Amino acid sequence: MQLRYAFRLDPGPGQRVALARAFGCARVVYNDAVAARERARREGAAFPSAGALSKTLITEAKLSPERQWLSEVSAVILQQALRDVERAYTNFFASVKGVRKGARVGAPRFRSKRDARQAIRFTANARWKITEAGRLLLPKIGEVKVRWSRRLPSLPSSVTVIRDAAGRFFASFVVESDPDADLARMPEADGLPSVGIDLGLTHFAVLSDGTKIDSPRFLRRAEKKLKKAQRELSRKQKRSKNREKARLKVARAHAQVADARREFHHQLSTQLIRENQAVAVEDLAVKSLARTRLGKSVHDAGWAQFLAMLEYKAGRYGRVFVKAGRFEPTSQVCSVCGVKDGPKPLHVRTWTCTHCGTVHDRDHNAAKNVKQAAGLAVTACRAQVRPELVPAQREEAGSHGIHTGTRAAQRHSTR
């Protein structure tokens, strides 16, 4: 299984200039490749192959006066930029044909130096390495200081250097994880319970065993600070140095919120996977819920990111992850007798079953119905499950800032 570990970098002033040059060169090659393919599309010609693009856009371009500065960076990151273009077009065509699952992928666009995220990738061919002093040696950049927060489980196969909107630098390593070692990190699944989870806004999650986890509301808590920083940014003159300083201040404030939310999701998802052999959740339409009047709170909760973490950690550690149907009336059915008692207004947080007389907490009852609707009694057979192969996840682990603090978009009352 491939995993991705991200660590903060502290490049020196000269290294920051070298990294900016590398980002720019990779971006130019990427844009040139997109332009070449778009030109071929307009002319009705065949798309140029990766080999032909490499020859014209890198090898021959380095000999020309206009692109001579491409020689100042490692050739590997330029080749990787061409591979990124190939992958982007492959995903686009697969999405158009319906082969690719998930959200629709748009056509590749030109990259800009003003994009929030800049990245370059070094493979083994670049001869990068981690020195004995713990620094990251990158070709034509030098030894960059790394803030190590944990050990890498194996020798990385590649490293991606990233600069985010807040001006922070990260090194993202792709490593191979040992499935047996992963299973050894967690308790045996045999004997552990199963759990259903009802996600919400008043409480971030309510478990089928009655546990309620408060919503940290990181964005709401930081709104005052963000509004002040945004007002200061709006008053600065465009393209001035003071405006750039104000923009970085806003970006860093948003980065703190995102890091705190991510850390909360990591800790909670790991705890749930550790303590249960099977986890059931509801297949929420997060995009649709985010378009409602509760959209800001839905984005603040970050349900999609949390569910993605639960899914890949379940596959990694040999647990069962199940999604209940999106249209299951989990808020209307009595979890004791199974009678559907009809829709209820959102302000009704407790209700009494008209058939058996059981008094239900709305969220707790929904969590128990999620567990039953997912069929965990059949799916979770108390057998150890080998982890499945999953792609390397972004932000699997690292040294980001750590900050820890009404129901599923206040679940539709018609459900």
Protein backbone atom coordinates (compact mmCIF):
# COMPACT_ATOMS: atom_id res chain seq x y z
CA MET A 1 0.00 0.00 0.00
CA GLN A 2 1.28 3.46 -0.89
CA LEU A 3 1.07 6.23 1.68
CA ARG A 4 2.00 9.88 1.58
CA TYR A 5 3.76 11.66 4.44
CA ALA A 6 4.07 15.46 4.44
CA PHE A 7 6.58 17.48 6.48
CA ARG A 8 7.26 21.21 6.75
CA LEU A 9 10.37 22.57 5.06
CA ASP A 10 12.46 25.56 6.13
CA PRO A 11 14.40 26.61 3.02
CA GLY A 12 16.94 29.42 3.26
CA PRO A 13 16.66 32.65 1.25
CA GLY A 14 18.77 31.31 -1.63
CA GLN A 15 16.88 28.03 -1.62
CA ARG A 16 13.56 29.89 -1.78
CA VAL A 17 14.78 31.63 -4.94
CA ALA A 18 15.89 28.29 -6.42
CA LEU A 19 12.54 26.70 -5.58
CA ALA A 20 10.66 29.62 -7.13
CA ARG A 21 12.74 29.16 -10.29
CA ALA A 22 11.95 25.43 -10.31
CA PHE A 23 8.22 26.07 -9.87
CA GLY A 24 8.33 28.54 -12.75
CA CYS A 25 10.22 26.23 -15.13
CA ALA A 26 7.89 23.29 -14.42
CA ARG A 27 4.90 25.57 -14.93
CA VAL A 28 6.21 26.81 -18.30
CA VAL A 29 6.78 23.27 -19.59
CA TYR A 30 3.31 22.25 -18.40
CA ASN A 31 1.67 25.22 -20.14
CA ASP A 32 3.66 24.62 -23.32
CA ALA A 33 2.47 21.01 -23.40
CA VAL A 34 -1.17 22.02 -22.89
CA ALA A 35 -0.82 24.66 -25.63
CA ALA A 36 0.68 22.09 -28.04
CA ARG A 37 -2.16 19.66 -27.49
CA GLU A 38 -4.80 22.39 -27.79
CA ARG A 39 -3.18 23.55 -31.03
CA ALA A 40 -3.31 20.01 -32.39
CA ARG A 41 -6.98 19.74 -31.40
CA ARG A 42 -7.90 22.96 -33.23
CA GLU A 43 -6.03 21.85 -36.34
CA GLY A 44 -7.56 18.37 -36.26
CA ALA A 45 -4.14 16.73 -36.01
CA ALA A 46 -3.12 13.83 -33.78
CA PHE A 47 -2.06 14.72 -30.29
CA PRO A 48 1.74 14.87 -29.98
CA SER A 49 3.20 12.00 -27.99
CA ALA A 50 5.01 12.45 -24.68
CA GLY A 51 8.30 11.64 -26.37
CA ALA A 52 7.79 14.27 -29.05
CA LEU A 53 6.83 16.88 -26.47
CA SER A 54 9.88 16.03 -24.38
CA LYS A 55 12.16 16.51 -27.36
CA THR A 56 10.70 19.85 -28.49
CA LEU A 57 9.71 21.43 -25.16
CA ILE A 58 12.70 20.37 -23.08
CA THR A 59 15.70 19.10 -25.07
CA GLU A 60 15.49 21.51 -28.00
CA ALA A 61 14.07 24.36 -25.94
CA LYS A 62 17.15 24.39 -23.69
CA LEU A 63 19.27 25.17 -26.75
CA SER A 64 17.18 28.17 -27.76
CA PRO A 65 17.83 31.67 -26.35
CA GLU A 66 14.17 32.01 -25.27
CA ARG A 67 14.16 28.87 -23.11
CA GLN A 68 17.84 28.58 -22.17
CA TRP A 69 16.99 29.11 -18.49
CA LEU A 70 15.32 25.69 -18.38
CA SER A 71 18.83 24.27 -17.89
CA GLU A 72 19.03 25.92 -14.47
CA VAL A 73 16.72 23.33 -12.89
CA SER A 74 16.68 19.54 -12.72
CA ALA A 75 15.44 17.90 -15.91
CA VAL A 76 13.43 15.40 -13.84
CA ILE A 77 10.91 17.98 -12.66
CA LEU A 78 10.37 19.08 -16.27
CA GLN A 79 9.71 15.48 -17.32
CA GLN A 80 7.29 15.11 -14.42
CA ALA A 81 5.44 18.22 -15.61
CA LEU A 82 4.87 16.49 -18.96
CA ARG A 83 3.62 13.38 -17.14
CA ASP A 84 1.20 15.59 -15.22
CA VAL A 85 -0.22 16.83 -18.52
CA GLU A 86 -0.60 13.27 -19.80
CA ARG A 87 -2.38 12.23 -16.61
CA ALA A 88 -4.65 15.28 -16.73
CA TYR A 89 -5.77 14.51 -20.28
CA THR A 90 -6.21 10.81 -19.50
CA ASN A 91 -8.47 11.63 -16.56
CA PHE A 92 -10.39 14.17 -18.63
CA PHE A 93 -11.11 11.75 -21.48
CA ALA A 94 -12.01 8.97 -19.04
CA SER A 95 -14.44 11.32 -17.32
CA VAL A 96 -16.04 12.38 -20.61
CA LYS A 97 -16.49 8.74 -21.64
CA GLY A 98 -17.95 7.82 -18.24
CA VAL A 99 -15.13 5.42 -17.45
CA ARG A 100 -13.86 7.48 -14.51
CA LYS A 101 -16.06 7.37 -11.42
CA GLY A 102 -16.74 10.33 -9.20
CA ALA A 103 -17.05 14.00 -10.02
CA ARG A 104 -16.69 15.22 -13.60
CA VAL A 105 -13.11 16.20 -14.47
CA GLY A 106 -12.62 19.28 -16.61
CA ALA A 107 -10.11 19.80 -19.40
CA PRO A 108 -6.56 20.72 -18.33
CA ARG A 109 -6.09 24.46 -17.89
CA PHE A 110 -3.02 26.65 -17.98
CA ARG A 111 -1.19 27.10 -14.70
CA SER A 112 -0.44 30.53 -13.27
CA LYS A 113 2.25 31.83 -10.95
CA ARG A 114 -0.63 33.22 -8.87
CA ASP A 115 -2.13 29.77 -8.24
CA ALA A 116 -2.50 29.01 -4.55
CA ARG A 117 -0.55 25.76 -4.84
CA GLN A 118 2.78 25.31 -6.60
CA ALA A 119 4.45 21.91 -6.77
CA ILE A 120 7.39 20.05 -8.32
CA ARG A 121 8.11 16.34 -8.10
CA PHE A 122 11.45 14.54 -7.85
CA THR A 123 11.64 10.82 -8.64
CA ALA A 124 14.53 8.47 -7.94
CA ASN A 125 16.14 9.50 -11.24
CA ALA A 126 16.77 12.96 -9.80
CA ARG A 127 19.15 11.46 -7.21
CA TRP A 128 17.63 13.33 -4.32
CA LYS A 129 18.22 11.92 -0.87
CA ILE A 130 17.82 12.41 2.86
CA THR A 131 21.22 13.17 4.37
CA GLU A 132 22.57 11.73 7.62
CA ALA A 133 21.91 15.10 9.24
CA GLY A 134 18.22 14.74 8.38
CA ARG A 135 18.14 17.33 5.60
CA LEU A 136 16.54 16.90 2.20
CA LEU A 137 19.12 17.15 -0.60
CA LEU A 138 17.48 18.32 -3.83
CA PRO A 139 19.39 18.70 -7.12
CA LYS A 140 20.28 22.32 -8.00
CA ILE A 141 18.56 23.49 -4.82
CA GLY A 142 20.72 22.16 -2.00
CA GLU A 143 20.14 20.69 1.46
CA VAL A 144 16.81 21.91 2.83
CA LYS A 145 15.96 21.70 6.52
CA VAL A 146 13.01 19.41 7.31
CA ARG A 147 10.79 19.52 10.39
CA TRP A 148 10.55 15.78 11.03
CA SER A 149 7.53 14.89 13.16
CA ARG A 150 7.74 11.09 12.76
CA ARG A 151 9.81 8.37 11.12
CA LEU A 152 9.20 7.24 7.57
CA PRO A 153 8.19 3.55 7.51
CA SER A 154 10.34 2.84 4.44
CA LEU A 155 12.56 4.49 1.85
CA PRO A 156 10.49 6.99 -0.19
CA SER A 157 10.14 6.45 -3.92
CA SER A 158 9.53 10.11 -4.72
CA VAL A 159 9.19 13.51 -3.09
CA THR A 160 6.95 16.41 -4.05
CA VAL A 161 7.89 19.89 -2.89
CA ILE A 162 4.81 22.07 -2.37
CA ARG A 163 4.31 25.75 -1.64
CA ASP A 164 0.82 26.64 -0.41
CA ALA A 165 -1.08 29.93 -0.46
CA ALA A 166 0.32 30.88 2.94
CA GLY A 167 3.87 30.70 1.60
CA ARG A 168 4.70 27.52 3.52
CA PHE A 169 6.84 24.77 1.99
CA PHE A 170 6.18 21.05 2.40
CA ALA A 171 7.92 17.86 1.34
CA SER A 172 5.47 15.09 0.52
CA PHE A 173 7.04 11.61 0.42
CA VAL A 174 5.45 8.53 -1.18
CA VAL A 175 6.38 5.34 0.68
CA GLU A 176 5.38 1.69 0.56
CA SER A 177 3.66 0.51 3.72
CA ASP A 178 3.94 -3.05 5.03
CA PRO A 179 0.40 -4.52 5.44
CA ASP A 180 1.50 -6.83 8.25
CA ALA A 181 3.06 -3.93 10.14
CA ASP A 182 -0.12 -1.88 9.67
CA LEU A 183 -2.27 -4.68 11.08
CA ALA A 184 0.09 -5.03 14.04
CA ARG A 185 -0.45 -1.38 14.96
CA MET A 186 -4.16 -1.95 15.64
CA PRO A 187 -5.95 -4.31 18.03
CA GLU A 188 -7.33 -7.55 16.61
CA ALA A 189 -10.71 -6.96 14.97
CA ASP A 190 -12.14 -10.11 16.53
CA GLY A 191 -14.17 -9.14 19.57
CA LEU A 192 -14.44 -5.44 18.77
CA PRO A 193 -17.91 -3.89 18.33
CA SER A 194 -19.44 -2.30 15.25
CA VAL A 195 -20.63 1.28 15.20
CA GLY A 196 -22.99 3.46 13.22
CA ILE A 197 -22.27 7.17 12.85
CA ASP A 198 -24.74 9.99 12.33
CA LEU A 199 -22.96 13.18 11.26
CA GLY A 200 -24.37 16.57 12.17
CA LEU A 201 -23.69 20.20 12.97
CA THR A 202 -24.77 20.61 16.61
CA HIS A 203 -22.76 17.47 17.33
CA PHE A 204 -20.14 16.57 14.76
CA ALA A 205 -20.93 12.87 15.21
CA VAL A 206 -23.36 10.80 17.26
CA LEU A 207 -22.45 7.10 17.58
CA SER A 208 -24.87 4.20 17.82
CA ASP A 209 -23.58 3.45 21.33
CA GLY A 210 -24.83 6.86 22.49
CA THR A 211 -21.51 8.74 22.38
CA LYS A 212 -21.83 12.35 21.22
CA ILE A 213 -18.83 14.23 19.81
CA ASP A 214 -19.11 18.00 19.85
CA SER A 215 -18.46 19.98 16.69
CA PRO A 216 -15.29 22.10 17.07
CA ARG A 217 -16.54 24.72 14.55
CA PHE A 218 -13.06 25.89 13.71
CA LEU A 219 -14.18 28.36 11.05
CA ARG A 220 -16.88 29.90 13.22
CA ARG A 221 -14.43 30.39 16.08
CA ALA A 222 -11.91 32.10 13.78
CA GLU A 223 -14.42 34.27 11.90
CA LYS A 224 -13.67 37.44 13.86
CA LYS A 225 -9.96 37.16 13.13
CA LEU A 226 -10.60 36.30 9.48
CA LYS A 227 -12.98 39.22 8.95
CA LYS A 228 -10.45 41.66 10.38
CA ALA A 229 -7.66 40.32 8.17
CA GLN A 230 -9.92 40.40 5.11
CA ARG A 231 -10.93 44.02 5.77
CA GLU A 232 -7.28 45.03 6.02
CA LEU A 233 -6.57 43.25 2.72
CA SER A 234 -9.43 45.04 0.93
CA ARG A 235 -7.98 48.44 1.88
CA LYS A 236 -4.54 47.82 0.42
CA GLN A 237 -3.56 49.13 -2.98
CA LYS A 238 -3.54 46.46 -5.65
CA ARG A 239 -0.15 45.00 -6.63
CA SER A 240 1.53 46.72 -3.69
CA LYS A 241 3.88 45.04 -1.23
CA ASN A 242 1.55 45.84 1.65
CA ARG A 243 -1.27 44.06 -0.15
CA GLU A 244 0.89 40.96 -0.57
CA LYS A 245 1.66 41.04 3.16
CA ALA A 246 -2.04 41.35 3.95
CA ARG A 247 -2.86 38.51 1.55
CA LEU A 248 -0.36 36.24 3.30
CA LYS A 249 -1.94 37.14 6.63
CA VAL A 250 -5.37 36.06 5.37
CA ALA A 251 -3.96 32.88 3.82
CA ARG A 252 -2.19 31.93 7.05
CA ALA A 253 -5.35 32.45 9.06
CA HIS A 254 -7.27 30.14 6.71
CA ALA A 255 -4.41 27.62 6.82
CA GLN A 256 -4.62 27.48 10.62
CA VAL A 257 -8.33 26.66 10.39
CA ALA A 258 -7.77 23.98 7.74
CA ASP A 259 -4.89 22.41 9.70
CA ALA A 260 -6.93 22.31 12.91
CA ARG A 261 -9.88 20.69 11.11
CA ARG A 262 -7.63 18.12 9.43
CA GLU A 263 -5.96 17.20 12.72
CA PHE A 264 -9.35 16.77 14.40
CA HIS A 265 -10.52 14.50 11.57
CA HIS A 266 -7.34 12.42 11.74
CA GLN A 267 -7.57 11.89 15.49
CA LEU A 268 -11.28 11.02 15.49
CA SER A 269 -11.10 8.72 12.45
CA THR A 270 -8.12 6.83 13.88
CA GLN A 271 -9.91 6.42 17.22
CA LEU A 272 -13.04 5.03 15.55
CA ILE A 273 -11.03 2.61 13.41
CA ARG A 274 -8.99 1.48 16.41
CA GLU A 275 -11.99 0.81 18.66
CA ASN A 276 -14.35 -0.87 16.15
CA GLN A 277 -14.19 -3.73 13.71
CA ALA A 278 -16.77 -2.15 11.37
CA VAL A 279 -17.94 1.41 10.80
CA ALA A 280 -21.18 2.44 9.10
CA VAL A 281 -21.92 5.95 7.86
CA GLU A 282 -24.62 7.56 5.77
CA ASP A 283 -23.91 8.41 2.14
CA LEU A 284 -24.46 12.16 2.44
CA ALA A 285 -24.97 14.47 -0.53
CA VAL A 286 -22.43 16.95 0.80
CA LYS A 287 -22.31 19.09 -2.35
CA SER A 288 -26.07 19.56 -2.32
CA LEU A 289 -26.16 20.28 1.41
CA ALA A 290 -23.41 22.88 0.97
CA ARG A 291 -25.71 24.87 -1.34
CA THR A 292 -28.31 25.41 1.38
CA ARG A 293 -28.46 28.23 3.94
CA LEU A 294 -26.31 26.05 6.20
CA GLY A 295 -23.56 25.85 3.60
CA LYS A 296 -20.92 27.62 5.69
CA SER A 297 -21.49 25.26 8.61
CA VAL A 298 -21.41 22.24 6.28
CA HIS A 299 -18.05 23.32 4.86
CA ASP A 300 -16.79 24.04 8.38
CA ALA A 301 -17.63 20.49 9.47
CA GLY A 302 -15.68 18.93 6.57
CA TRP A 303 -17.72 15.73 6.36
CA ALA A 304 -16.31 14.66 2.98
CA GLN A 305 -12.72 14.82 4.23
CA PHE A 306 -13.62 12.92 7.39
CA LEU A 307 -15.42 10.14 5.50
CA ALA A 308 -12.51 9.81 3.07
CA MET A 309 -10.15 9.34 6.03
CA LEU A 310 -12.41 6.71 7.56
CA GLU A 311 -12.58 4.80 4.29
CA TYR A 312 -8.87 4.62 3.53
CA LYS A 313 -7.91 3.91 7.16
CA ALA A 314 -10.42 1.06 7.26
CA GLY A 315 -8.79 -0.41 4.16
CA ARG A 316 -5.32 0.08 5.60
CA TYR A 317 -5.97 -1.46 9.01
CA GLY A 318 -8.26 -4.30 8.01
CA ARG A 319 -11.57 -2.87 9.17
CA VAL A 320 -14.97 -2.87 7.44
CA PHE A 321 -16.34 0.42 6.12
CA VAL A 322 -19.96 0.53 4.91
CA LYS A 323 -22.11 3.36 3.56
CA ALA A 324 -25.86 3.22 4.16
CA GLY A 325 -28.19 4.28 1.37
CA ARG A 326 -28.62 8.01 0.90
CA PHE A 327 -32.42 7.78 0.94
CA GLU A 328 -32.80 5.61 4.01
CA PRO A 329 -35.33 7.27 6.38
CA THR A 330 -33.02 6.96 9.37
CA SER A 331 -34.69 9.85 11.23
CA GLN A 332 -38.22 8.47 10.77
CA VAL A 333 -37.84 4.81 11.73
CA CYS A 334 -37.94 3.50 15.30
CA SER A 335 -34.72 1.58 15.92
CA VAL A 336 -36.51 -0.69 18.44
CA CYS A 337 -39.61 -1.90 16.60
CA GLY A 338 -38.79 -0.79 13.06
CA VAL A 339 -42.00 1.15 12.51
CA LYS A 340 -41.75 4.21 10.26
CA ASP A 341 -43.20 7.09 12.25
CA GLY A 342 -43.08 9.73 9.51
CA PRO A 343 -41.04 12.92 9.00
CA LYS A 344 -40.46 15.31 11.87
CA PRO A 345 -39.55 19.02 11.96
CA LEU A 346 -35.93 19.85 12.58
CA HIS A 347 -36.64 21.39 15.97
CA VAL A 348 -37.90 18.02 17.26
CA ARG A 349 -34.80 16.53 18.91
CA THR A 350 -36.62 13.78 20.88
CA TRP A 351 -39.72 11.85 19.95
CA THR A 352 -41.81 8.93 21.18
CA CYS A 353 -42.61 5.96 18.95
CA THR A 354 -46.39 5.70 18.50
CA HIS A 355 -46.18 1.92 18.19
CA CYS A 356 -43.89 0.75 21.03
CA GLY A 357 -43.71 3.90 23.13
CA THR A 358 -39.91 4.14 23.12
CA VAL A 359 -38.54 7.66 23.67
CA HIS A 360 -35.78 8.38 21.14
CA ASP A 361 -33.04 10.93 20.91
CA ARG A 362 -33.27 11.92 17.24
CA ASP A 363 -29.55 11.70 16.49
CA HIS A 364 -28.88 8.56 18.53
CA ASN A 365 -31.82 6.79 16.90
CA ALA A 366 -30.54 7.81 13.45
CA ALA A 367 -27.07 6.43 14.25
CA LYS A 368 -28.55 3.09 15.25
CA ASN A 369 -30.63 3.00 12.07
CA VAL A 370 -27.51 3.78 10.00
CA LYS A 371 -25.81 0.77 11.57
CA GLN A 372 -28.80 -1.46 10.81
CA ALA A 373 -29.30 -0.10 7.28
CA ALA A 374 -25.65 -0.79 6.46
CA GLY A 375 -26.16 -4.46 7.34
CA LEU A 376 -23.15 -4.70 9.62
CA ALA A 377 -24.59 -7.79 11.27
CA VAL A 378 -24.00 -9.56 7.96
CA THR A 379 -20.99 -7.65 6.65
CA ALA A 380 -18.81 -7.68 9.77
CA CYS A 381 -18.21 -11.39 10.32
CA ARG A 382 -15.57 -10.85 13.01
CA ALA A 383 -12.86 -12.00 10.62
CA GLN A 384 -9.55 -10.26 10.08
CA VAL A 385 -9.63 -8.40 6.77
CA ARG A 386 -6.48 -7.80 4.78
CA PRO A 387 -5.97 -4.15 3.81
CA GLU A 388 -6.81 -3.36 0.21
CA LEU A 389 -4.58 -1.44 -2.20
CA VAL A 390 -5.43 2.26 -2.09
CA PRO A 391 -3.75 5.23 -3.80
CA ALA A 392 -1.43 7.43 -1.78
CA GLN A 393 -3.49 9.86 0.25
CA ARG A 394 -2.63 13.52 0.46
CA GLU A 395 -1.80 14.79 3.93
CA GLU A 396 -1.66 11.27 5.44
CA ALA A 397 0.67 12.49 8.17
CA GLY A 398 2.93 15.39 8.78
CA SER A 399 3.85 18.41 10.80
CA HIS A 400 1.01 20.80 10.08
CA GLY A 401 -0.21 23.10 12.81
CA ILE A 402 -2.20 21.15 15.43
CA HIS A 403 -5.32 22.72 16.96
CA THR A 404 -8.12 20.61 18.45
CA GLY A 405 -11.51 21.87 19.62
CA THR A 406 -27.24 20.83 13.53
CA ARG A 407 -27.06 17.64 12.39
CA ALA A 408 -26.27 16.41 8.86
CA ALA A 409 -26.86 19.88 7.43
CA GLN A 410 -29.69 19.56 9.81
CA ARG A 411 -30.91 16.45 8.01
CA HIS A 412 -33.80 17.03 5.62
CA SER A 413 -37.07 16.85 7.51
CA THR A 414 -38.61 14.81 4.71
CA ARG A 415 -36.31 11.90 5.40
